[in-house]
C-alpha atoms as a PDB file:
ATOM      1  CA  MET A   1     118.334  44.721  88.683  1.00  0.00           C
ATOM      2  CA  ASN A   2     120.694  41.899  89.641  1.00  0.00           C
ATOM      3  CA  ASP A   3     122.061  41.685  86.098  1.00  0.00           C
ATOM      4  CA  GLN A   4     123.678  45.129  86.205  1.00  0.00           C
ATOM      5  CA  PRO A   5     126.747  44.228  88.327  1.00  0.00           C
ATOM      6  CA  ASP A   6     127.350  41.149  86.166  1.00  0.00           C
ATOM      7  CA  ASN A   7     127.139  43.244  83.004  1.00  0.00           C
ATOM      8  CA  ASN A   8     129.545  45.811  84.444  1.00  0.00           C
ATOM      9  CA  SER A   9     131.954  43.078  85.493  1.00  0.00           C
ATOM     10  CA  ALA A  10     131.800  41.511  82.037  1.00  0.00           C
ATOM     11  CA  SER A  11     132.472  44.889  80.387  1.00  0.00           C
ATOM     12  CA  ILE A  12     135.452  45.551  82.632  1.00  0.00           C
ATOM     13  CA  ALA A  13     136.828  42.062  81.974  1.00  0.00           C
ATOM     14  CA  ALA A  14     136.405  42.546  78.211  1.00  0.00           C
ATOM     15  CA  ALA A  15     138.187  45.922  78.331  1.00  0.00           C
ATOM     16  CA  ARG A  16     141.072  44.426  80.305  1.00  0.00           C
ATOM     17  CA  ALA A  17     141.359  41.514  77.897  1.00  0.00           C
ATOM     18  CA  LEU A  18     141.445  43.943  74.971  1.00  0.00           C
ATOM     19  CA  ALA A  19     144.148  45.970  76.723  1.00  0.00           C
ATOM     20  CA  THR A  20     146.269  42.832  77.114  1.00  0.00           C
ATOM     21  CA  GLN A  21     145.967  42.160  73.382  1.00  0.00           C
ATOM     22  CA  VAL A  22     146.896  45.759  72.513  1.00  0.00           C
ATOM     23  CA  LEU A  23     149.963  45.586  74.760  1.00  0.00           C
ATOM     24  CA  ALA A  24     150.985  42.389  72.964  1.00  0.00           C
ATOM     25  CA  GLY A  25     150.985  44.301  69.651  1.00  0.00           C
ATOM     26  CA  ASP A  26     147.858  42.683  68.173  1.00  0.00           C
ATOM     27  CA  ARG A  27     146.926  44.981  65.261  1.00  0.00           C
ATOM     28  CA  ARG A  28     143.319  43.769  65.102  1.00  0.00           C
ATOM     29  CA  ALA A  29     142.953  44.466  68.802  1.00  0.00           C
ATOM     30  CA  LEU A  30     144.433  47.936  68.256  1.00  0.00           C
ATOM     31  CA  ALA A  31     141.821  48.680  65.583  1.00  0.00           C
ATOM     32  CA  ARG A  32     139.040  47.388  67.866  1.00  0.00           C
ATOM     33  CA  ALA A  33     140.339  49.484  70.743  1.00  0.00           C
ATOM     34  CA  ILE A  34     140.259  52.691  68.691  1.00  0.00           C
ATOM     35  CA  THR A  35     136.760  51.847  67.450  1.00  0.00           C
ATOM     36  CA  LEU A  36     135.701  51.393  71.074  1.00  0.00           C
ATOM     37  CA  ILE A  37     137.079  54.744  72.234  1.00  0.00           C
ATOM     38  CA  GLU A  38     135.491  56.528  69.251  1.00  0.00           C
ATOM     39  CA  SER A  39     132.058  55.147  70.131  1.00  0.00           C
ATOM     40  CA  THR A  40     129.552  57.522  71.703  1.00  0.00           C
ATOM     41  CA  ARG A  41     127.522  54.780  73.415  1.00  0.00           C
ATOM     42  CA  THR A  42     127.466  55.178  77.193  1.00  0.00           C
ATOM     43  CA  ASP A  43     128.438  51.566  77.878  1.00  0.00           C
ATOM     44  CA  HIS A  44     131.277  51.800  75.373  1.00  0.00           C
ATOM     45  CA  ARG A  45     132.553  55.006  76.976  1.00  0.00           C
ATOM     46  CA  ARG A  46     132.816  53.216  80.331  1.00  0.00           C
ATOM     47  CA  GLN A  47     134.666  50.352  78.693  1.00  0.00           C
ATOM     48  CA  ALA A  48     136.966  52.802  76.955  1.00  0.00           C
ATOM     49  CA  GLU A  49     137.808  54.475  80.259  1.00  0.00           C
ATOM     50  CA  THR A  50     138.740  51.096  81.739  1.00  0.00           C
ATOM     51  CA  LEU A  51     140.803  50.287  78.650  1.00  0.00           C
ATOM     52  CA  LEU A  52     142.747  53.551  78.911  1.00  0.00           C
ATOM     53  CA  GLU A  53     143.394  53.088  82.626  1.00  0.00           C
ATOM     54  CA  GLU A  54     144.922  49.700  81.823  1.00  0.00           C
ATOM     55  CA  LEU A  55     147.063  51.104  79.004  1.00  0.00           C
ATOM     56  CA  LEU A  56     148.282  54.355  80.598  1.00  0.00           C
ATOM     57  CA  PRO A  57     151.362  52.813  82.299  1.00  0.00           C
ATOM     58  CA  ALA A  58     152.625  51.714  78.857  1.00  0.00           C
ATOM     59  CA  THR A  59     152.237  55.149  77.227  1.00  0.00           C
ATOM     60  CA  GLY A  60     154.582  58.117  76.965  1.00  0.00           C
ATOM     61  CA  ARG A  61     157.455  56.424  75.161  1.00  0.00           C
ATOM     62  CA  SER A  62     156.720  57.580  71.607  1.00  0.00           C
ATOM     63  CA  LEU A  63     157.532  60.786  69.783  1.00  0.00           C
ATOM     64  CA  ARG A  64     154.270  62.526  68.930  1.00  0.00           C
ATOM     65  CA  ILE A  65     154.246  64.593  65.732  1.00  0.00           C
ATOM     66  CA  GLY A  66     151.424  66.786  64.471  1.00  0.00           C
ATOM     67  CA  ILE A  67     151.335  67.673  60.776  1.00  0.00           C
ATOM     68  CA  SER A  68     149.169  70.397  59.294  1.00  0.00           C
ATOM     69  CA  GLY A  69     149.072  72.446  56.119  1.00  0.00           C
ATOM     70  CA  PRO A  70     146.726  74.011  53.585  1.00  0.00           C
ATOM     71  CA  PRO A  71     144.701  71.850  51.174  1.00  0.00           C
ATOM     72  CA  GLY A  72     146.797  70.576  48.286  1.00  0.00           C
ATOM     73  CA  VAL A  73     150.113  70.871  50.109  1.00  0.00           C
ATOM     74  CA  GLY A  74     150.647  67.109  49.935  1.00  0.00           C
ATOM     75  CA  LYS A  75     150.271  66.080  53.579  1.00  0.00           C
ATOM     76  CA  SER A  76     149.526  62.434  52.816  1.00  0.00           C
ATOM     77  CA  THR A  77     152.346  62.177  50.261  1.00  0.00           C
ATOM     78  CA  PHE A  78     154.728  63.734  52.765  1.00  0.00           C
ATOM     79  CA  ILE A  79     153.648  61.407  55.569  1.00  0.00           C
ATOM     80  CA  GLU A  80     154.119  58.395  53.309  1.00  0.00           C
ATOM     81  CA  ALA A  81     157.658  59.477  52.343  1.00  0.00           C
ATOM     82  CA  PHE A  82     158.546  60.444  55.919  1.00  0.00           C
ATOM     83  CA  GLY A  83     157.017  57.237  57.288  1.00  0.00           C
ATOM     84  CA  ARG A  84     158.959  55.025  54.900  1.00  0.00           C
ATOM     85  CA  HIS A  85     162.171  56.797  55.886  1.00  0.00           C
ATOM     86  CA  ALA A  86     161.403  56.349  59.593  1.00  0.00           C
ATOM     87  CA  ILE A  87     160.755  52.643  59.077  1.00  0.00           C
ATOM     88  CA  GLU A  88     164.083  52.341  57.251  1.00  0.00           C
ATOM     89  CA  GLN A  89     165.646  53.720  60.440  1.00  0.00           C
ATOM     90  CA  GLY A  90     164.102  50.859  62.400  1.00  0.00           C
ATOM     91  CA  LYS A  91     161.078  52.723  63.749  1.00  0.00           C
ATOM     92  CA  ARG A  92     157.419  51.687  63.938  1.00  0.00           C
ATOM     93  CA  LEU A  93     154.938  54.340  62.834  1.00  0.00           C
ATOM     94  CA  ALA A  94     151.251  54.944  63.570  1.00  0.00           C
ATOM     95  CA  VAL A  95     149.325  57.560  61.582  1.00  0.00           C
ATOM     96  CA  LEU A  96     146.067  59.043  62.844  1.00  0.00           C
ATOM     97  CA  ALA A  97     144.725  60.744  59.723  1.00  0.00           C
ATOM     98  CA  VAL A  98     141.814  63.027  60.570  1.00  0.00           C
ATOM     99  CA  ASP A  99     139.689  63.587  57.474  1.00  0.00           C
ATOM    100  CA  PRO A 100     136.951  66.131  56.751  1.00  0.00           C
ATOM    101  CA  THR A 101     133.515  64.774  57.523  1.00  0.00           C
ATOM    102  CA  SER A 102     130.550  64.521  55.192  1.00  0.00           C
ATOM    103  CA  ARG A 103     127.629  66.386  56.736  1.00  0.00           C
ATOM    104  CA  LEU A 104     125.257  63.966  55.005  1.00  0.00           C
ATOM    105  CA  SER A 105     126.722  60.584  55.955  1.00  0.00           C
ATOM    106  CA  GLY A 106     129.091  61.546  58.756  1.00  0.00           C
ATOM    107  CA  GLY A 107     131.827  59.575  57.014  1.00  0.00           C
ATOM    108  CA  SER A 108     135.369  60.464  56.023  1.00  0.00           C
ATOM    109  CA  ILE A 109     135.584  62.352  52.718  1.00  0.00           C
ATOM    110  CA  LEU A 110     139.232  61.969  51.729  1.00  0.00           C
ATOM    111  CA  GLY A 111     140.088  58.506  53.052  1.00  0.00           C
ATOM    112  CA  ASP A 112     143.814  58.974  53.729  1.00  0.00           C
ATOM    113  CA  LYS A 113     144.547  55.265  53.955  1.00  0.00           C
ATOM    114  CA  THR A 114     143.845  54.954  50.227  1.00  0.00           C
ATOM    115  CA  ARG A 115     146.300  57.819  49.603  1.00  0.00           C
ATOM    116  CA  MET A 116     149.142  56.123  51.526  1.00  0.00           C
ATOM    117  CA  GLU A 117     149.085  52.801  49.720  1.00  0.00           C
ATOM    118  CA  GLU A 118     152.757  51.908  50.053  1.00  0.00           C
ATOM    119  CA  LEU A 119     152.935  52.838  53.712  1.00  0.00           C
ATOM    120  CA  SER A 120     149.724  51.000  54.561  1.00  0.00           C
ATOM    121  CA  ARG A 121     151.192  47.764  53.211  1.00  0.00           C
ATOM    122  CA  LEU A 122     154.178  47.834  55.570  1.00  0.00           C
ATOM    123  CA  GLU A 123     153.971  45.723  58.714  1.00  0.00           C
ATOM    124  CA  GLN A 124     155.740  48.415  60.740  1.00  0.00           C
ATOM    125  CA  ALA A 125     153.053  50.996  59.927  1.00  0.00           C
ATOM    126  CA  PHE A 126     149.493  51.419  61.165  1.00  0.00           C
ATOM    127  CA  ILE A 127     147.177  53.960  59.523  1.00  0.00           C
ATOM    128  CA  ARG A 128     143.834  54.913  61.009  1.00  0.00           C
ATOM    129  CA  PRO A 129     141.613  57.377  59.099  1.00  0.00           C
ATOM    130  CA  THR A 130     139.079  59.097  61.324  1.00  0.00           C
ATOM    131  CA  PRO A 131     136.302  61.512  60.312  1.00  0.00           C
ATOM    132  CA  ALA A 132     136.653  64.802  62.175  1.00  0.00           C
ATOM    133  CA  GLY A 133     132.931  64.947  62.931  1.00  0.00           C
ATOM    134  CA  LEU A 134     131.815  68.233  64.458  1.00  0.00           C
ATOM    135  CA  THR A 135     135.032  68.737  66.418  1.00  0.00           C
ATOM    136  CA  LEU A 136     136.917  71.967  65.715  1.00  0.00           C
ATOM    137  CA  GLY A 137     140.680  72.229  65.721  1.00  0.00           C
ATOM    138  CA  GLY A 138     141.503  69.864  62.883  1.00  0.00           C
ATOM    139  CA  VAL A 139     141.326  66.761  65.033  1.00  0.00           C
ATOM    140  CA  ALA A 140     138.658  64.287  66.082  1.00  0.00           C
ATOM    141  CA  ARG A 141     137.274  64.349  69.615  1.00  0.00           C
ATOM    142  CA  ARG A 142     138.981  61.098  70.595  1.00  0.00           C
ATOM    143  CA  THR A 143     142.284  61.586  68.768  1.00  0.00           C
ATOM    144  CA  ARG A 144     144.131  62.060  72.062  1.00  0.00           C
ATOM    145  CA  GLU A 145     142.919  58.699  73.332  1.00  0.00           C
ATOM    146  CA  ALA A 146     143.692  56.957  70.036  1.00  0.00           C
ATOM    147  CA  LEU A 147     147.215  58.361  70.273  1.00  0.00           C
ATOM    148  CA  LEU A 148     147.704  56.790  73.703  1.00  0.00           C
ATOM    149  CA  VAL A 149     146.399  53.430  72.507  1.00  0.00           C
ATOM    150  CA  CYS A 150     148.904  53.448  69.627  1.00  0.00           C
ATOM    151  CA  GLU A 151     151.699  54.257  72.061  1.00  0.00           C
ATOM    152  CA  ALA A 152     150.706  51.355  74.284  1.00  0.00           C
ATOM    153  CA  ALA A 153     150.791  49.085  71.227  1.00  0.00           C
ATOM    154  CA  GLY A 154     154.499  49.820  70.876  1.00  0.00           C
ATOM    155  CA  PHE A 155     154.737  52.366  68.043  1.00  0.00           C
ATOM    156  CA  ASP A 156     157.787  54.634  68.213  1.00  0.00           C
ATOM    157  CA  LEU A 157     156.303  57.522  66.230  1.00  0.00           C
ATOM    158  CA  ILE A 158     152.717  58.726  66.291  1.00  0.00           C
ATOM    159  CA  VAL A 159     151.781  61.133  63.501  1.00  0.00           C
ATOM    160  CA  VAL A 160     148.542  63.099  63.730  1.00  0.00           C
ATOM    161  CA  GLU A 161     147.514  64.564  60.369  1.00  0.00           C
ATOM    162  CA  THR A 162     144.982  67.375  60.702  1.00  0.00           C
ATOM    163  CA  VAL A 163     142.180  68.352  58.356  1.00  0.00           C
ATOM    164  CA  GLY A 164     143.832  71.552  57.173  1.00  0.00           C
ATOM    165  CA  VAL A 165     145.378  74.785  58.337  1.00  0.00           C
ATOM    166  CA  GLY A 166     143.789  77.887  59.810  1.00  0.00           C
ATOM    167  CA  GLN A 167     143.002  79.691  63.017  1.00  0.00           C
ATOM    168  CA  SER A 168     141.106  76.727  64.466  1.00  0.00           C
ATOM    169  CA  GLU A 169     143.629  74.093  63.363  1.00  0.00           C
ATOM    170  CA  THR A 170     145.837  74.532  66.438  1.00  0.00           C
ATOM    171  CA  ALA A 171     144.288  71.878  68.694  1.00  0.00           C
ATOM    172  CA  VAL A 172     146.779  69.301  67.435  1.00  0.00           C
ATOM    173  CA  ALA A 173     149.559  71.278  69.125  1.00  0.00           C
ATOM    174  CA  GLU A 174     147.917  70.480  72.464  1.00  0.00           C
ATOM    175  CA  MET A 175     148.539  66.739  72.030  1.00  0.00           C
ATOM    176  CA  VAL A 176     151.898  66.386  70.275  1.00  0.00           C
ATOM    177  CA  ASP A 177     155.564  67.002  71.046  1.00  0.00           C
ATOM    178  CA  LEU A 178     156.519  68.430  67.653  1.00  0.00           C
ATOM    179  CA  PHE A 179     154.280  70.442  65.377  1.00  0.00           C
ATOM    180  CA  LEU A 180     155.287  70.412  61.694  1.00  0.00           C
ATOM    181  CA  LEU A 181     153.674  72.868  59.282  1.00  0.00           C
ATOM    182  CA  LEU A 182     153.748  72.097  55.558  1.00  0.00           C
ATOM    183  CA  LEU A 183     153.583  74.973  53.085  1.00  0.00           C
ATOM    184  CA  LEU A 184     153.336  75.275  49.323  1.00  0.00           C
ATOM    185  CA  PRO A 185     155.914  77.096  47.204  1.00  0.00           C
ATOM    186  CA  GLY A 186     154.764  80.645  46.508  1.00  0.00           C
ATOM    187  CA  GLY A 187     155.454  84.320  47.023  1.00  0.00           C
ATOM    188  CA  GLY A 188     155.127  86.386  50.164  1.00  0.00           C
ATOM    189  CA  ASP A 189     151.462  87.045  49.449  1.00  0.00           C
ATOM    190  CA  ASP A 190     150.698  83.369  50.084  1.00  0.00           C
ATOM    191  CA  LEU A 191     152.030  83.734  53.622  1.00  0.00           C
ATOM    192  CA  GLN A 192     149.210  86.151  54.385  1.00  0.00           C
ATOM    193  CA  GLY A 193     146.809  83.206  54.235  1.00  0.00           C
ATOM    194  CA  ILE A 194     148.663  81.415  57.023  1.00  0.00           C
ATOM    195  CA  LYS A 195     147.525  82.633  60.411  1.00  0.00           C
ATOM    196  CA  ARG A 196     150.230  84.022  62.691  1.00  0.00           C
ATOM    197  CA  GLY A 197     148.986  81.832  65.544  1.00  0.00           C
ATOM    198  CA  ILE A 198     149.739  78.583  63.757  1.00  0.00           C
ATOM    199  CA  MET A 199     153.119  79.906  62.598  1.00  0.00           C
ATOM    200  CA  GLU A 200     154.024  80.606  66.216  1.00  0.00           C
ATOM    201  CA  LEU A 201     153.152  77.013  67.173  1.00  0.00           C
ATOM    202  CA  ALA A 202     155.269  75.381  64.469  1.00  0.00           C
ATOM    203  CA  ASP A 203     158.536  73.710  65.499  1.00  0.00           C
ATOM    204  CA  LEU A 204     159.476  72.815  61.933  1.00  0.00           C
ATOM    205  CA  ILE A 205     158.154  74.456  58.774  1.00  0.00           C
ATOM    206  CA  VAL A 206     158.633  72.525  55.552  1.00  0.00           C
ATOM    207  CA  VAL A 207     158.052  73.905  52.060  1.00  0.00           C
ATOM    208  CA  ASN A 208     156.922  70.881  50.059  1.00  0.00           C
ATOM    209  CA  LYS A 209     156.917  70.354  46.271  1.00  0.00           C
ATOM    210  CA  ALA A 210     160.382  71.917  45.989  1.00  0.00           C
ATOM    211  CA  ASP A 211     161.199  70.338  42.636  1.00  0.00           C
ATOM    212  CA  GLY A 212     161.134  71.124  38.921  1.00  0.00           C
ATOM    213  CA  ASP A 213     159.644  74.494  38.013  1.00  0.00           C
ATOM    214  CA  LEU A 214     158.665  75.082  41.647  1.00  0.00           C
ATOM    215  CA  ALA A 215     162.193  74.698  43.074  1.00  0.00           C
ATOM    216  CA  ALA A 216     163.026  78.416  42.837  1.00  0.00           C
ATOM    217  CA  ALA A 217     159.636  79.427  44.252  1.00  0.00           C
ATOM    218  CA  ALA A 218     160.143  77.002  47.145  1.00  0.00           C
ATOM    219  CA  GLU A 219     163.510  78.564  47.928  1.00  0.00           C
ATOM    220  CA  ARG A 220     161.975  82.039  47.974  1.00  0.00           C
ATOM    221  CA  SER A 221     159.106  80.862  50.174  1.00  0.00           C
ATOM    222  CA  ALA A 222     161.518  79.247  52.629  1.00  0.00           C
ATOM    223  CA  ALA A 223     163.469  82.502  52.851  1.00  0.00           C
ATOM    224  CA  ASP A 224     160.285  84.539  53.394  1.00  0.00           C
ATOM    225  CA  VAL A 225     159.132  82.190  56.167  1.00  0.00           C
ATOM    226  CA  ALA A 226     162.551  82.230  57.825  1.00  0.00           C
ATOM    227  CA  ASN A 227     162.453  86.041  57.856  1.00  0.00           C
ATOM    228  CA  ALA A 228     158.962  86.003  59.363  1.00  0.00           C
ATOM    229  CA  LEU A 229     160.040  83.570  62.088  1.00  0.00           C
ATOM    230  CA  ARG A 230     162.772  85.923  63.244  1.00  0.00           C
ATOM    231  CA  LEU A 231     160.064  88.339  64.376  1.00  0.00           C
ATOM    232  CA  MET A 232     158.312  85.700  66.502  1.00  0.00           C
ATOM    233  CA  GLN A 233     159.058  84.538  70.021  1.00  0.00           C
ATOM    234  CA  PRO A 234     160.277  80.907  70.099  1.00  0.00           C
ATOM    235  CA  LEU A 235     157.870  78.514  71.810  1.00  0.00           C
ATOM    236  CA  HIS A 236     160.669  76.504  73.449  1.00  0.00           C
ATOM    237  CA  GLN A 237     163.795  77.606  75.266  1.00  0.00           C
ATOM    238  CA  ALA A 238     165.797  74.695  73.847  1.00  0.00           C
ATOM    239  CA  TRP A 239     164.700  75.030  70.211  1.00  0.00           C
ATOM    240  CA  ARG A 240     164.223  77.681  67.566  1.00  0.00           C
ATOM    241  CA  PRO A 241     161.868  76.805  64.673  1.00  0.00           C
ATOM    242  CA  GLU A 242     163.590  75.872  61.439  1.00  0.00           C
ATOM    243  CA  VAL A 243     162.529  76.082  57.794  1.00  0.00           C
ATOM    244  CA  LEU A 244     163.324  73.227  55.410  1.00  0.00           C
ATOM    245  CA  ARG A 245     162.462  72.292  51.833  1.00  0.00           C
ATOM    246  CA  CYS A 246     161.557  68.920  50.364  1.00  0.00           C
ATOM    247  CA  SER A 247     159.810  67.115  47.563  1.00  0.00           C
ATOM    248  CA  ALA A 248     157.793  64.304  49.073  1.00  0.00           C
ATOM    249  CA  LEU A 249     156.874  63.085  45.587  1.00  0.00           C
ATOM    250  CA  LYS A 250     160.537  62.889  44.515  1.00  0.00           C
ATOM    251  CA  ASN A 251     161.623  61.755  47.991  1.00  0.00           C
ATOM    252  CA  THR A 252     164.224  64.512  48.307  1.00  0.00           C
ATOM    253  CA  GLY A 253     164.951  66.362  51.533  1.00  0.00           C
ATOM    254  CA  ILE A 254     163.167  63.764  53.680  1.00  0.00           C
ATOM    255  CA  GLY A 255     166.391  62.595  55.336  1.00  0.00           C
ATOM    256  CA  ALA A 256     167.252  66.146  56.393  1.00  0.00           C
ATOM    257  CA  ILE A 257     163.794  66.568  57.928  1.00  0.00           C
ATOM    258  CA  TRP A 258     164.195  63.286  59.805  1.00  0.00           C
ATOM    259  CA  ASP A 259     167.535  64.498  61.196  1.00  0.00           C
ATOM    260  CA  ARG A 260     165.986  67.744  62.460  1.00  0.00           C
ATOM    261  CA  VAL A 261     163.085  65.851  64.028  1.00  0.00           C
ATOM    262  CA  GLN A 262     165.621  63.744  65.933  1.00  0.00           C
ATOM    263  CA  ALA A 263     167.559  66.877  66.917  1.00  0.00           C
ATOM    264  CA  PHE A 264     164.344  68.476  68.209  1.00  0.00           C
ATOM    265  CA  ALA A 265     163.480  65.417  70.308  1.00  0.00           C
ATOM    266  CA  ALA A 266     166.997  65.230  71.746  1.00  0.00           C
ATOM    267  CA  ALA A 267     167.130  68.958  72.603  1.00  0.00           C
ATOM    268  CA  LEU A 268     163.749  69.099  74.319  1.00  0.00           C
ATOM    269  CA  THR A 269     164.220  65.807  76.137  1.00  0.00           C
ATOM    270  CA  ALA A 270     167.564  66.963  77.549  1.00  0.00           C
ATOM    271  CA  ALA A 271     165.976  70.234  78.674  1.00  0.00           C
ATOM    272  CA  GLY A 272     162.992  68.469  80.256  1.00  0.00           C
ATOM    273  CA  GLU A 273     160.618  70.405  78.028  1.00  0.00           C
ATOM    274  CA  ILE A 274     158.842  67.403  76.529  1.00  0.00           C
ATOM    275  CA  ASP A 275     157.832  66.112  79.970  1.00  0.00           C
ATOM    276  CA  ALA A 276     156.694  69.580  81.026  1.00  0.00           C
ATOM    277  CA  ARG A 277     154.747  69.997  77.772  1.00  0.00           C
ATOM    278  CA  ARG A 278     152.984  66.676  78.255  1.00  0.00           C
ATOM    279  CA  ARG A 279     151.983  67.538  81.814  1.00  0.00           C
ATOM    280  CA  ALA A 280     150.451  70.791  80.584  1.00  0.00           C
ATOM    281  CA  GLN A 281     148.700  68.940  77.751  1.00  0.00           C
ATOM    282  CA  ALA A 282     147.210  66.429  80.207  1.00  0.00           C
ATOM    283  CA  LYS A 283     145.710  69.292  82.229  1.00  0.00           C
ATOM    284  CA  ALA A 284     144.321  70.887  79.069  1.00  0.00           C
ATOM    285  CA  TRP A 285     142.851  67.520  78.075  1.00  0.00           C
ATOM    286  CA  LEU A 286     141.074  67.315  81.445  1.00  0.00           C
ATOM    287  CA  TRP A 287     139.383  70.667  80.837  1.00  0.00           C
ATOM    288  CA  HIS A 288     138.415  69.711  77.284  1.00  0.00           C
ATOM    289  CA  GLU A 289     136.772  66.565  78.658  1.00  0.00           C
ATOM    290  CA  LEU A 290     134.968  68.506  81.377  1.00  0.00           C
ATOM    291  CA  SER A 291     133.659  70.975  78.799  1.00  0.00           C
ATOM    292  CA  ASP A 292     132.530  68.262  76.368  1.00  0.00           C
ATOM    293  CA  ASN A 293     130.915  66.137  79.076  1.00  0.00           C
ATOM    294  CA  LEU A 294     129.088  69.102  80.585  1.00  0.00           C
ATOM    295  CA  LEU A 295     127.685  70.041  77.168  1.00  0.00           C
ATOM    296  CA  ASP A 296     126.602  66.436  76.577  1.00  0.00           C
ATOM    297  CA  ALA A 297     124.888  66.318  79.973  1.00  0.00           C
ATOM    298  CA  LEU A 298     123.202  69.665  79.353  1.00  0.00           C
ATOM    299  CA  ARG A 299     121.792  68.596  75.978  1.00  0.00           C
ATOM    300  CA  ALA A 300     120.555  65.284  77.410  1.00  0.00           C
ATOM    301  CA  HIS A 301     118.899  66.838  80.472  1.00  0.00           C
ATOM    302  CA  PRO A 302     115.130  66.291  80.167  1.00  0.00           C
ATOM    303  CA  HIS A 303     114.209  69.619  81.822  1.00  0.00           C
ATOM    304  CA  VAL A 304     116.592  71.618  79.659  1.00  0.00           C
ATOM    305  CA  ALA A 305     115.654  70.329  76.182  1.00  0.00           C
ATOM    306  CA  GLN A 306     112.522  72.460  75.900  1.00  0.00           C
ATOM    307  CA  LYS A 307     114.275  75.476  77.377  1.00  0.00           C
ATOM    308  CA  ILE A 308     116.994  75.196  74.730  1.00  0.00           C
ATOM    309  CA  ALA A 309     114.387  75.042  71.976  1.00  0.00           C
ATOM    310  CA  ASP A 310     112.638  78.126  73.365  1.00  0.00           C
ATOM    311  CA  VAL A 311     115.739  80.277  73.736  1.00  0.00           C
ATOM    312  CA  GLU A 312     117.085  79.190  70.332  1.00  0.00           C
ATOM    313  CA  ALA A 313     113.860  80.461  68.759  1.00  0.00           C
ATOM    314  CA  SER A 314     114.092  83.717  70.697  1.00  0.00           C
ATOM    315  CA  VAL A 315     117.728  84.247  69.704  1.00  0.00           C
ATOM    316  CA  ALA A 316     116.991  83.463  66.057  1.00  0.00           C
ATOM    317  CA  ALA A 317     114.117  85.952  66.100  1.00  0.00           C
ATOM    318  CA  GLY A 318     116.321  88.655  67.593  1.00  0.00           C
ATOM    319  CA  LYS A 319     114.247  88.818  70.767  1.00  0.00           C
ATOM    320  CA  MET A 320     116.978  87.608  73.115  1.00  0.00           C
ATOM    321  CA  ALA A 321     120.722  88.136  73.309  1.00  0.00           C
ATOM    322  CA  PRO A 322     122.811  84.936  73.090  1.00  0.00           C
ATOM    323  CA  ALA A 323     124.524  85.716  76.414  1.00  0.00           C
ATOM    324  CA  SER A 324     121.159  86.042  78.183  1.00  0.00           C
ATOM    325  CA  ALA A 325     119.917  82.871  76.504  1.00  0.00           C
ATOM    326  CA  ALA A 326     122.986  80.948  77.649  1.00  0.00           C
ATOM    327  CA  ARG A 327     122.477  82.082  81.245  1.00  0.00           C
ATOM    328  CA  ALA A 328     118.810  81.020  81.084  1.00  0.00           C
ATOM    329  CA  VAL A 329     119.731  77.547  79.830  1.00  0.00           C
ATOM    330  CA  LEU A 330     122.419  77.176  82.488  1.00  0.00           C
ATOM    331  CA  ALA A 331     119.996  78.270  85.211  1.00  0.00           C
ATOM    332  CA  ALA A 332     117.493  75.659  84.050  1.00  0.00           C
ATOM    333  CA  PHE A 333     120.233  73.004  84.031  1.00  0.00           C
ATOM    334  CA  LEU A 334     121.544  73.818  87.508  1.00  0.00           C
ATOM    335  CA  GLY A 335     118.068  74.186  88.927  1.00  0.00           C
ATOM    336  CA  GLY A 336     116.744  70.978  87.352  1.00  0.00           C
END
């Protein structure tokens, strides 16, 4: 009984010491900090909360960029080319690469760090692959917290690479300042596979692989996307989405994209929209945390576990409607 306060004090002291190392730019400490916040252990979650409280005053100074696109579009190749260009401009870059998760091992399938070899060797870059787990939206559950830790460590740009593109891949837009959508060269029919919702969230749309035999197709695709954007309401008052072309493999068009990223940041900062966007994102984050924590508490509740098993069987057998089952589980949770 008497050991508990000492253990709590030691955990808090360790979290504060780790925060000091992160603020000093210690890369090993940064990696340890992200590992800590990704842990699901209860004691680690408390430490992570202390760590974030210590780091919060040093956050908010980076430009946060989300990058999404269909499989095969070349997200990692693009990020490597864009990252190298940013570093040449004197910036420090952190990449949070969220990979698909193996349902068997729970591990990352693609391993983006191995696909950004040149960038990963640069001192000014930090790449952290993270398996998406069971989290929907193309991002991992703790990506938001990892982003803040990277900011506190002094990185100027934080890039969040999502698993893919689709109706559920919009969660990244709730944690970044600029959302960049990568597309493949192709005809108008290919645009039908891109959900309107994610198109409406994009601040920059880039047609990649615009080289060689695909150059003409990329030009047509860019024109088709630009025409589609004219029918959509801009997300920001100070910025209209733009369509660009590049070849990440050939390193062409990257400078123009960098210039438009800087123009976006300048326009929204001057208009106060980035600060307003971040305040709204912080509120959304609070409700995501409440939802996740309530579900965790519900599943761990000893009086609810059997009830969940019973109603799941009834729903699967067609004897109970899911809505009724959910109300029964909630009643057991609140009454327990």
